[in-house]
Amino acid sequence: MTFPTLHTDRLILRAPTLSDFEHWAAFFASPRADHERGRKDRAEAWRYWAADVALWQLKGYGPFSLEDRATGAYVGEVGIYNPEGYPEREIGWFTTPEAEGKGYAFEAARAVMTWAGASFGWNRLVSYIDAENTRSLALARRLGGVIDPALTGTEPGDVVVVHDLRARS
């Protein structure tokens, strides 16, 4: 499989590497993960991360690691998630603490949505967001997403935000 690499003004969206797991494990061991699948010990974090990365081989899409073009620093992850049990394909994101609030997730998510629409012809993606994760909900709305209260998320209390990809491809 050929892994796509996307470029934005400030980021390179690339294939995940083993060293990226350290950032992922740190994120999911911290309180920042309370509204993002919940906190995980290192072994459980590995299983989730490896399953997400395997989506590339199994489905042709998955998480992109975000690299700052100027410094080469890992700043987070944005991707398309659809493990067994998800009602629909989800676009999701997180950034490292140092990168939070700098617009990286917005920039990367726009690029991923454009790529997904053009590459697969999909009309939409969704985001499943914990109702208490106000920053993530604000980002989903900033990306043009619309809350659909009729849709069910992956966890009780999820807000489902629908992203229309038709105008992006």
N, C-alpha and C. Protein backbone atom coordinates (compact mmCIF):
# COMPACT_ATOMS: atom_id res chain seq x y z
N MET A 1 0.83 -1.18 0.00
CA MET A 1 0.00 0.00 0.00
C MET A 1 0.88 1.25 0.00
N THR A 2 0.54 2.22 -0.79
CA THR A 2 1.23 3.50 -0.80
C THR A 2 0.53 4.43 0.17
N PHE A 3 1.27 4.96 1.10
CA PHE A 3 0.70 5.85 2.10
C PHE A 3 0.75 7.28 1.59
N PRO A 4 -0.38 7.99 1.59
CA PRO A 4 -0.36 9.36 1.12
C PRO A 4 0.36 10.28 2.11
N THR A 5 0.98 11.31 1.58
CA THR A 5 1.55 12.37 2.40
C THR A 5 0.89 13.66 1.93
N LEU A 6 0.33 14.39 2.87
CA LEU A 6 -0.35 15.65 2.56
C LEU A 6 0.48 16.80 3.11
N HIS A 7 0.40 17.94 2.46
CA HIS A 7 1.13 19.12 2.89
C HIS A 7 0.16 20.29 3.04
N THR A 8 0.32 21.04 4.12
CA THR A 8 -0.40 22.29 4.31
C THR A 8 0.65 23.38 4.48
N ASP A 9 0.21 24.58 4.72
CA ASP A 9 1.17 25.68 4.90
C ASP A 9 2.19 25.39 6.00
N ARG A 10 1.72 24.80 7.10
CA ARG A 10 2.61 24.61 8.25
C ARG A 10 2.91 23.16 8.60
N LEU A 11 2.22 22.22 7.95
CA LEU A 11 2.30 20.83 8.39
C LEU A 11 2.62 19.86 7.27
N ILE A 12 3.20 18.74 7.65
CA ILE A 12 3.29 17.55 6.82
C ILE A 12 2.44 16.50 7.51
N LEU A 13 1.47 15.95 6.81
CA LEU A 13 0.64 14.87 7.32
C LEU A 13 1.20 13.59 6.72
N ARG A 14 1.73 12.72 7.58
CA ARG A 14 2.51 11.58 7.11
C ARG A 14 2.08 10.30 7.81
N ALA A 15 2.68 9.20 7.36
CA ALA A 15 2.42 7.90 7.97
C ALA A 15 2.90 7.92 9.43
N PRO A 16 2.14 7.29 10.32
CA PRO A 16 2.60 7.15 11.69
C PRO A 16 3.87 6.30 11.76
N THR A 17 4.75 6.65 12.67
CA THR A 17 5.96 5.87 12.93
C THR A 17 5.94 5.40 14.38
N LEU A 18 6.76 4.43 14.67
CA LEU A 18 6.79 3.87 16.02
C LEU A 18 7.07 4.94 17.07
N SER A 19 7.94 5.90 16.76
CA SER A 19 8.26 6.94 17.75
C SER A 19 7.05 7.83 18.05
N ASP A 20 6.08 7.90 17.14
CA ASP A 20 4.87 8.69 17.39
C ASP A 20 4.05 8.11 18.54
N PHE A 21 4.18 6.82 18.76
CA PHE A 21 3.40 6.19 19.83
C PHE A 21 3.70 6.82 21.18
N GLU A 22 4.92 7.26 21.42
CA GLU A 22 5.27 7.86 22.71
C GLU A 22 4.38 9.07 23.00
N HIS A 23 4.14 9.89 22.00
CA HIS A 23 3.27 11.07 22.16
C HIS A 23 1.83 10.64 22.39
N TRP A 24 1.42 9.63 21.65
CA TRP A 24 0.05 9.11 21.76
C TRP A 24 -0.18 8.54 23.16
N ALA A 25 0.78 7.75 23.63
CA ALA A 25 0.65 7.15 24.97
C ALA A 25 0.62 8.22 26.05
N ALA A 26 1.44 9.26 25.90
CA ALA A 26 1.46 10.35 26.88
C ALA A 26 0.11 11.08 26.90
N PHE A 27 -0.44 11.34 25.72
CA PHE A 27 -1.74 12.00 25.63
C PHE A 27 -2.80 11.18 26.35
N PHE A 28 -2.86 9.88 26.06
CA PHE A 28 -3.92 9.05 26.61
C PHE A 28 -3.68 8.64 28.06
N ALA A 29 -2.53 8.97 28.61
CA ALA A 29 -2.28 8.77 30.04
C ALA A 29 -2.63 10.01 30.83
N SER A 30 -2.94 11.10 30.15
CA SER A 30 -3.16 12.38 30.81
C SER A 30 -4.65 12.71 30.94
N PRO A 31 -4.99 13.69 31.77
CA PRO A 31 -6.39 14.12 31.88
C PRO A 31 -6.97 14.64 30.57
N ARG A 32 -6.13 15.04 29.63
CA ARG A 32 -6.62 15.52 28.34
C ARG A 32 -7.41 14.44 27.60
N ALA A 33 -7.18 13.19 27.94
CA ALA A 33 -7.86 12.08 27.27
C ALA A 33 -9.22 11.74 27.88
N ASP A 34 -9.58 12.42 28.95
CA ASP A 34 -10.83 12.08 29.63
C ASP A 34 -12.05 12.15 28.69
N HIS A 35 -12.01 13.02 27.71
CA HIS A 35 -13.12 13.15 26.76
C HIS A 35 -12.75 12.62 25.37
N GLU A 36 -11.67 11.85 25.29
CA GLU A 36 -11.18 11.30 24.02
C GLU A 36 -10.88 9.82 24.21
N ARG A 37 -11.87 8.99 24.28
CA ARG A 37 -11.73 7.55 24.51
C ARG A 37 -11.37 7.21 25.95
N GLY A 38 -11.03 8.18 26.76
CA GLY A 38 -10.68 7.94 28.16
C GLY A 38 -9.21 7.61 28.34
N ARG A 39 -8.75 7.73 29.59
CA ARG A 39 -7.35 7.45 29.89
C ARG A 39 -7.04 5.97 29.71
N LYS A 40 -5.80 5.71 29.31
CA LYS A 40 -5.38 4.33 29.05
C LYS A 40 -3.97 4.11 29.60
N ASP A 41 -3.75 2.92 30.17
CA ASP A 41 -2.38 2.58 30.53
C ASP A 41 -1.62 2.29 29.24
N ARG A 42 -0.31 2.14 29.35
CA ARG A 42 0.53 2.00 28.16
C ARG A 42 0.14 0.81 27.28
N ALA A 43 -0.15 -0.32 27.89
CA ALA A 43 -0.50 -1.52 27.12
C ALA A 43 -1.82 -1.32 26.37
N GLU A 44 -2.80 -0.75 27.03
CA GLU A 44 -4.09 -0.51 26.36
C GLU A 44 -3.93 0.56 25.28
N ALA A 45 -3.14 1.59 25.56
CA ALA A 45 -2.88 2.62 24.56
C ALA A 45 -2.25 2.01 23.32
N TRP A 46 -1.32 1.08 23.52
CA TRP A 46 -0.69 0.42 22.38
C TRP A 46 -1.72 -0.30 21.51
N ARG A 47 -2.63 -1.03 22.15
CA ARG A 47 -3.63 -1.78 21.39
C ARG A 47 -4.52 -0.84 20.57
N TYR A 48 -4.94 0.27 21.15
CA TYR A 48 -5.76 1.23 20.41
C TYR A 48 -4.97 1.86 19.28
N TRP A 49 -3.74 2.30 19.57
CA TRP A 49 -2.91 2.95 18.56
C TRP A 49 -2.62 1.99 17.40
N ALA A 50 -2.22 0.77 17.71
CA ALA A 50 -1.89 -0.20 16.67
C ALA A 50 -3.13 -0.51 15.82
N ALA A 51 -4.28 -0.62 16.43
CA ALA A 51 -5.50 -0.87 15.67
C ALA A 51 -5.83 0.31 14.75
N ASP A 52 -5.64 1.53 15.24
CA ASP A 52 -5.89 2.71 14.40
C ASP A 52 -4.93 2.73 13.22
N VAL A 53 -3.66 2.50 13.48
CA VAL A 53 -2.66 2.51 12.41
C VAL A 53 -2.95 1.41 11.39
N ALA A 54 -3.43 0.27 11.86
CA ALA A 54 -3.73 -0.85 10.97
C ALA A 54 -4.88 -0.54 10.01
N LEU A 55 -5.70 0.47 10.32
CA LEU A 55 -6.77 0.84 9.39
C LEU A 55 -6.23 1.16 8.00
N TRP A 56 -5.01 1.71 7.95
CA TRP A 56 -4.41 2.02 6.65
C TRP A 56 -4.30 0.76 5.79
N GLN A 57 -3.80 -0.29 6.37
CA GLN A 57 -3.63 -1.54 5.61
C GLN A 57 -4.97 -2.20 5.31
N LEU A 58 -5.88 -2.12 6.25
CA LEU A 58 -7.14 -2.83 6.11
C LEU A 58 -8.20 -2.10 5.30
N LYS A 59 -8.22 -0.75 5.43
CA LYS A 59 -9.29 0.01 4.79
C LYS A 59 -8.80 1.11 3.85
N GLY A 60 -7.49 1.38 3.85
CA GLY A 60 -6.96 2.40 2.96
C GLY A 60 -7.01 3.81 3.50
N TYR A 61 -7.35 3.95 4.77
CA TYR A 61 -7.34 5.24 5.45
C TYR A 61 -7.08 5.00 6.92
N GLY A 62 -6.78 6.06 7.65
CA GLY A 62 -6.48 5.96 9.06
C GLY A 62 -5.90 7.26 9.57
N PRO A 63 -5.09 7.21 10.63
CA PRO A 63 -4.55 8.44 11.21
C PRO A 63 -3.31 8.92 10.46
N PHE A 64 -3.23 10.23 10.31
CA PHE A 64 -2.01 10.89 9.84
C PHE A 64 -1.29 11.47 11.05
N SER A 65 0.01 11.30 11.11
CA SER A 65 0.81 12.00 12.11
C SER A 65 1.09 13.40 11.57
N LEU A 66 1.03 14.38 12.46
CA LEU A 66 1.24 15.77 12.06
C LEU A 66 2.64 16.19 12.45
N GLU A 67 3.36 16.70 11.47
CA GLU A 67 4.73 17.16 11.70
C GLU A 67 4.83 18.63 11.32
N ASP A 68 5.38 19.43 12.20
CA ASP A 68 5.60 20.85 11.93
C ASP A 68 6.64 20.98 10.82
N ARG A 69 6.30 21.64 9.74
CA ARG A 69 7.22 21.76 8.60
C ARG A 69 8.48 22.54 8.96
N ALA A 70 8.37 23.51 9.85
CA ALA A 70 9.52 24.35 10.18
C ALA A 70 10.50 23.65 11.12
N THR A 71 9.97 22.86 12.06
CA THR A 71 10.84 22.28 13.10
C THR A 71 10.99 20.76 13.00
N GLY A 72 10.07 20.10 12.29
CA GLY A 72 10.07 18.64 12.24
C GLY A 72 9.44 18.00 13.47
N ALA A 73 8.93 18.80 14.38
CA ALA A 73 8.35 18.28 15.62
C ALA A 73 7.00 17.62 15.35
N TYR A 74 6.75 16.52 16.06
CA TYR A 74 5.44 15.87 16.05
C TYR A 74 4.50 16.77 16.84
N VAL A 75 3.33 17.11 16.25
CA VAL A 75 2.40 18.00 16.94
C VAL A 75 1.02 17.39 17.14
N GLY A 76 0.80 16.17 16.66
CA GLY A 76 -0.50 15.55 16.90
C GLY A 76 -0.88 14.55 15.84
N GLU A 77 -2.19 14.29 15.77
CA GLU A 77 -2.73 13.29 14.86
C GLU A 77 -4.11 13.74 14.40
N VAL A 78 -4.37 13.58 13.12
CA VAL A 78 -5.70 13.79 12.55
C VAL A 78 -5.92 12.66 11.57
N GLY A 79 -7.10 12.08 11.61
CA GLY A 79 -7.33 10.99 10.69
C GLY A 79 -8.76 10.56 10.61
N ILE A 80 -8.94 9.49 9.86
CA ILE A 80 -10.26 8.89 9.67
C ILE A 80 -10.26 7.56 10.40
N TYR A 81 -11.23 7.40 11.27
CA TYR A 81 -11.33 6.22 12.13
C TYR A 81 -12.65 5.52 11.85
N ASN A 82 -12.58 4.21 11.74
CA ASN A 82 -13.79 3.43 11.53
C ASN A 82 -13.56 2.00 11.98
N PRO A 83 -13.19 1.82 13.26
CA PRO A 83 -13.02 0.45 13.73
C PRO A 83 -14.38 -0.25 13.84
N GLU A 84 -14.33 -1.52 14.03
CA GLU A 84 -15.55 -2.31 14.18
C GLU A 84 -16.41 -1.68 15.27
N GLY A 85 -17.70 -1.52 14.97
CA GLY A 85 -18.64 -0.97 15.94
C GLY A 85 -18.93 0.51 15.75
N TYR A 86 -18.14 1.21 14.95
CA TYR A 86 -18.44 2.62 14.69
C TYR A 86 -19.58 2.69 13.68
N PRO A 87 -20.58 3.53 13.94
CA PRO A 87 -21.69 3.64 13.00
C PRO A 87 -21.28 4.19 11.63
N GLU A 88 -20.30 5.12 11.61
CA GLU A 88 -19.85 5.73 10.36
C GLU A 88 -18.36 6.04 10.47
N ARG A 89 -17.78 6.45 9.34
CA ARG A 89 -16.39 6.90 9.34
C ARG A 89 -16.31 8.24 10.08
N GLU A 90 -15.34 8.31 10.97
CA GLU A 90 -15.18 9.51 11.80
C GLU A 90 -13.89 10.23 11.44
N ILE A 91 -13.94 11.55 11.42
CA ILE A 91 -12.72 12.33 11.39
C ILE A 91 -12.49 12.80 12.83
N GLY A 92 -11.27 12.53 13.32
CA GLY A 92 -10.93 12.88 14.69
C GLY A 92 -9.55 13.50 14.74
N TRP A 93 -9.20 14.04 15.91
CA TRP A 93 -7.95 14.78 16.04
C TRP A 93 -7.51 14.87 17.49
N PHE A 94 -6.22 15.10 17.66
CA PHE A 94 -5.67 15.57 18.93
C PHE A 94 -4.32 16.21 18.63
N THR A 95 -3.90 17.10 19.52
CA THR A 95 -2.59 17.72 19.40
C THR A 95 -1.83 17.53 20.71
N THR A 96 -0.52 17.67 20.61
CA THR A 96 0.31 17.62 21.82
C THR A 96 0.03 18.88 22.64
N PRO A 97 0.34 18.87 23.93
CA PRO A 97 0.10 20.07 24.74
C PRO A 97 0.80 21.32 24.18
N GLU A 98 2.01 21.15 23.66
CA GLU A 98 2.77 22.28 23.13
C GLU A 98 2.13 22.87 21.87
N ALA A 99 1.39 22.06 21.15
CA ALA A 99 0.79 22.49 19.89
C ALA A 99 -0.66 22.94 20.03
N GLU A 100 -1.24 22.73 21.19
CA GLU A 100 -2.65 23.04 21.38
C GLU A 100 -2.91 24.54 21.22
N GLY A 101 -4.03 24.84 20.58
CA GLY A 101 -4.45 26.23 20.43
C GLY A 101 -3.77 26.99 19.30
N LYS A 102 -3.03 26.30 18.45
CA LYS A 102 -2.30 26.96 17.35
C LYS A 102 -2.95 26.74 15.99
N GLY A 103 -4.08 26.07 15.96
CA GLY A 103 -4.79 25.86 14.71
C GLY A 103 -4.30 24.68 13.88
N TYR A 104 -3.41 23.88 14.44
CA TYR A 104 -2.89 22.73 13.68
C TYR A 104 -3.99 21.71 13.37
N ALA A 105 -4.83 21.40 14.34
CA ALA A 105 -5.88 20.40 14.10
C ALA A 105 -6.85 20.89 13.03
N PHE A 106 -7.19 22.17 13.05
CA PHE A 106 -8.07 22.74 12.02
C PHE A 106 -7.43 22.62 10.65
N GLU A 107 -6.19 23.03 10.53
CA GLU A 107 -5.46 23.00 9.27
C GLU A 107 -5.37 21.57 8.72
N ALA A 108 -5.02 20.63 9.59
CA ALA A 108 -4.88 19.24 9.16
C ALA A 108 -6.22 18.60 8.84
N ALA A 109 -7.24 18.87 9.65
CA ALA A 109 -8.56 18.27 9.41
C ALA A 109 -9.13 18.74 8.07
N ARG A 110 -8.95 20.00 7.73
CA ARG A 110 -9.41 20.49 6.43
C ARG A 110 -8.72 19.72 5.30
N ALA A 111 -7.41 19.53 5.43
CA ALA A 111 -6.66 18.80 4.40
C ALA A 111 -7.13 17.35 4.29
N VAL A 112 -7.37 16.70 5.43
CA VAL A 112 -7.82 15.31 5.42
C VAL A 112 -9.22 15.20 4.82
N MET A 113 -10.10 16.12 5.16
CA MET A 113 -11.45 16.07 4.59
C MET A 113 -11.42 16.27 3.08
N THR A 114 -10.61 17.19 2.60
CA THR A 114 -10.48 17.41 1.15
C THR A 114 -9.92 16.16 0.48
N TRP A 115 -8.87 15.58 1.07
CA TRP A 115 -8.27 14.35 0.54
C TRP A 115 -9.29 13.21 0.50
N ALA A 116 -10.04 13.03 1.59
CA ALA A 116 -11.01 11.92 1.67
C ALA A 116 -12.11 12.07 0.63
N GLY A 117 -12.61 13.27 0.47
CA GLY A 117 -13.66 13.49 -0.52
C GLY A 117 -13.16 13.22 -1.93
N ALA A 118 -11.96 13.71 -2.23
CA ALA A 118 -11.40 13.53 -3.58
C ALA A 118 -10.97 12.09 -3.83
N SER A 119 -10.40 11.44 -2.83
CA SER A 119 -9.86 10.09 -3.01
C SER A 119 -10.91 9.00 -3.04
N PHE A 120 -11.95 9.16 -2.23
CA PHE A 120 -12.94 8.09 -2.07
C PHE A 120 -14.33 8.45 -2.59
N GLY A 121 -14.54 9.71 -2.90
CA GLY A 121 -15.87 10.13 -3.35
C GLY A 121 -16.90 10.15 -2.25
N TRP A 122 -16.46 10.19 -1.01
CA TRP A 122 -17.41 10.21 0.11
C TRP A 122 -18.11 11.56 0.17
N ASN A 123 -19.36 11.53 0.59
CA ASN A 123 -20.13 12.75 0.76
C ASN A 123 -19.99 13.35 2.15
N ARG A 124 -19.64 12.50 3.13
CA ARG A 124 -19.57 13.03 4.49
C ARG A 124 -18.68 12.20 5.38
N LEU A 125 -18.28 12.84 6.47
CA LEU A 125 -17.65 12.20 7.61
C LEU A 125 -18.39 12.71 8.84
N VAL A 126 -18.22 12.04 9.94
CA VAL A 126 -18.80 12.52 11.20
C VAL A 126 -17.69 12.65 12.23
N SER A 127 -17.99 13.38 13.29
CA SER A 127 -17.12 13.42 14.47
C SER A 127 -17.98 13.05 15.67
N TYR A 128 -17.49 12.10 16.46
CA TYR A 128 -18.16 11.70 17.70
C TYR A 128 -17.43 12.40 18.84
N ILE A 129 -18.12 13.32 19.50
CA ILE A 129 -17.45 14.17 20.49
C ILE A 129 -18.21 14.14 21.81
N ASP A 130 -17.48 13.90 22.88
CA ASP A 130 -18.05 13.96 24.22
C ASP A 130 -18.65 15.36 24.42
N ALA A 131 -19.86 15.42 24.93
CA ALA A 131 -20.56 16.70 25.11
C ALA A 131 -19.77 17.69 25.97
N GLU A 132 -18.91 17.20 26.85
CA GLU A 132 -18.12 18.10 27.70
C GLU A 132 -16.84 18.59 27.03
N ASN A 133 -16.53 18.07 25.86
CA ASN A 133 -15.32 18.47 25.15
C ASN A 133 -15.64 19.70 24.29
N THR A 134 -15.79 20.83 24.94
CA THR A 134 -16.24 22.05 24.27
C THR A 134 -15.24 22.54 23.21
N ARG A 135 -13.96 22.35 23.45
CA ARG A 135 -12.97 22.80 22.46
C ARG A 135 -13.06 21.98 21.18
N SER A 136 -13.25 20.68 21.31
CA SER A 136 -13.38 19.83 20.13
C SER A 136 -14.68 20.12 19.38
N LEU A 137 -15.75 20.36 20.13
CA LEU A 137 -17.02 20.72 19.50
C LEU A 137 -16.88 22.04 18.73
N ALA A 138 -16.18 23.00 19.32
CA ALA A 138 -15.97 24.29 18.64
C ALA A 138 -15.16 24.09 17.36
N LEU A 139 -14.16 23.23 17.40
CA LEU A 139 -13.36 22.96 16.21
C LEU A 139 -14.22 22.30 15.13
N ALA A 140 -15.02 21.33 15.51
CA ALA A 140 -15.89 20.64 14.54
C ALA A 140 -16.83 21.64 13.87
N ARG A 141 -17.37 22.56 14.63
CA ARG A 141 -18.26 23.59 14.07
C ARG A 141 -17.48 24.54 13.18
N ARG A 142 -16.27 24.90 13.59
CA ARG A 142 -15.42 25.79 12.78
C ARG A 142 -15.09 25.15 11.43
N LEU A 143 -14.99 23.82 11.42
CA LEU A 143 -14.74 23.09 10.18
C LEU A 143 -15.98 23.00 9.29
N GLY A 144 -17.08 23.57 9.73
CA GLY A 144 -18.31 23.56 8.95
C GLY A 144 -19.27 22.47 9.33
N GLY A 145 -18.95 21.73 10.38
CA GLY A 145 -19.80 20.63 10.80
C GLY A 145 -21.11 21.10 11.41
N VAL A 146 -22.12 20.24 11.29
CA VAL A 146 -23.45 20.52 11.82
C VAL A 146 -23.83 19.40 12.78
N ILE A 147 -24.26 19.77 13.96
CA ILE A 147 -24.69 18.77 14.95
C ILE A 147 -26.00 18.13 14.48
N ASP A 148 -26.04 16.80 14.53
CA ASP A 148 -27.25 16.06 14.18
C ASP A 148 -27.70 15.27 15.40
N PRO A 149 -28.66 15.79 16.15
CA PRO A 149 -29.09 15.11 17.38
C PRO A 149 -29.77 13.76 17.14
N ALA A 150 -30.13 13.47 15.89
CA ALA A 150 -30.79 12.20 15.59
C ALA A 150 -29.80 11.05 15.46
N LEU A 151 -28.50 11.37 15.31
CA LEU A 151 -27.50 10.32 15.12
C LEU A 151 -26.93 9.86 16.46
N THR A 152 -26.53 8.58 16.49
CA THR A 152 -25.96 7.98 17.69
C THR A 152 -24.45 7.91 17.55
N GLY A 153 -23.74 8.26 18.63
CA GLY A 153 -22.29 8.19 18.65
C GLY A 153 -21.78 6.83 19.06
N THR A 154 -20.53 6.81 19.48
CA THR A 154 -19.91 5.55 19.91
C THR A 154 -19.97 5.35 21.41
N GLU A 155 -20.26 6.43 22.14
CA GLU A 155 -20.37 6.38 23.60
C GLU A 155 -21.65 7.11 24.01
N PRO A 156 -22.24 6.73 25.14
CA PRO A 156 -23.42 7.47 25.62
C PRO A 156 -23.05 8.95 25.82
N GLY A 157 -23.93 9.82 25.36
CA GLY A 157 -23.71 11.25 25.53
C GLY A 157 -22.90 11.91 24.44
N ASP A 158 -22.44 11.14 23.45
CA ASP A 158 -21.70 11.74 22.34
C ASP A 158 -22.59 12.71 21.57
N VAL A 159 -21.96 13.79 21.13
CA VAL A 159 -22.57 14.70 20.17
C VAL A 159 -22.03 14.27 18.81
N VAL A 160 -22.90 14.11 17.83
CA VAL A 160 -22.46 13.71 16.50
C VAL A 160 -22.51 14.93 15.58
N VAL A 161 -21.36 15.25 15.03
CA VAL A 161 -21.23 16.39 14.12
C VAL A 161 -21.00 15.83 12.72
N VAL A 162 -21.81 16.29 11.76
CA VAL A 162 -21.73 15.82 10.38
C VAL A 162 -20.97 16.86 9.56
N HIS A 163 -19.98 16.35 8.79
CA HIS A 163 -19.18 17.20 7.91
C HIS A 163 -19.51 16.85 6.46
N ASP A 164 -20.02 17.80 5.71
CA ASP A 164 -20.35 17.62 4.30
C ASP A 164 -19.08 17.78 3.48
N LEU A 165 -18.67 16.73 2.76
CA LEU A 165 -17.44 16.75 1.99
C LEU A 165 -17.65 17.16 0.53
N ARG A 166 -18.87 17.25 0.09
CA ARG A 166 -19.14 17.49 -1.33
C ARG A 166 -18.52 18.77 -1.87
N ALA A 167 -18.46 19.80 -1.09
CA ALA A 167 -17.90 21.07 -1.56
C ALA A 167 -16.38 21.09 -1.49
N ARG A 168 -15.77 20.08 -0.87
CA ARG A 168 -14.32 20.07 -0.66
C ARG A 168 -13.55 19.32 -1.74
N SER A 169 -14.19 18.38 -2.45
CA SER A 169 -13.43 17.56 -3.39
C SER A 169 -13.22 18.24 -4.71
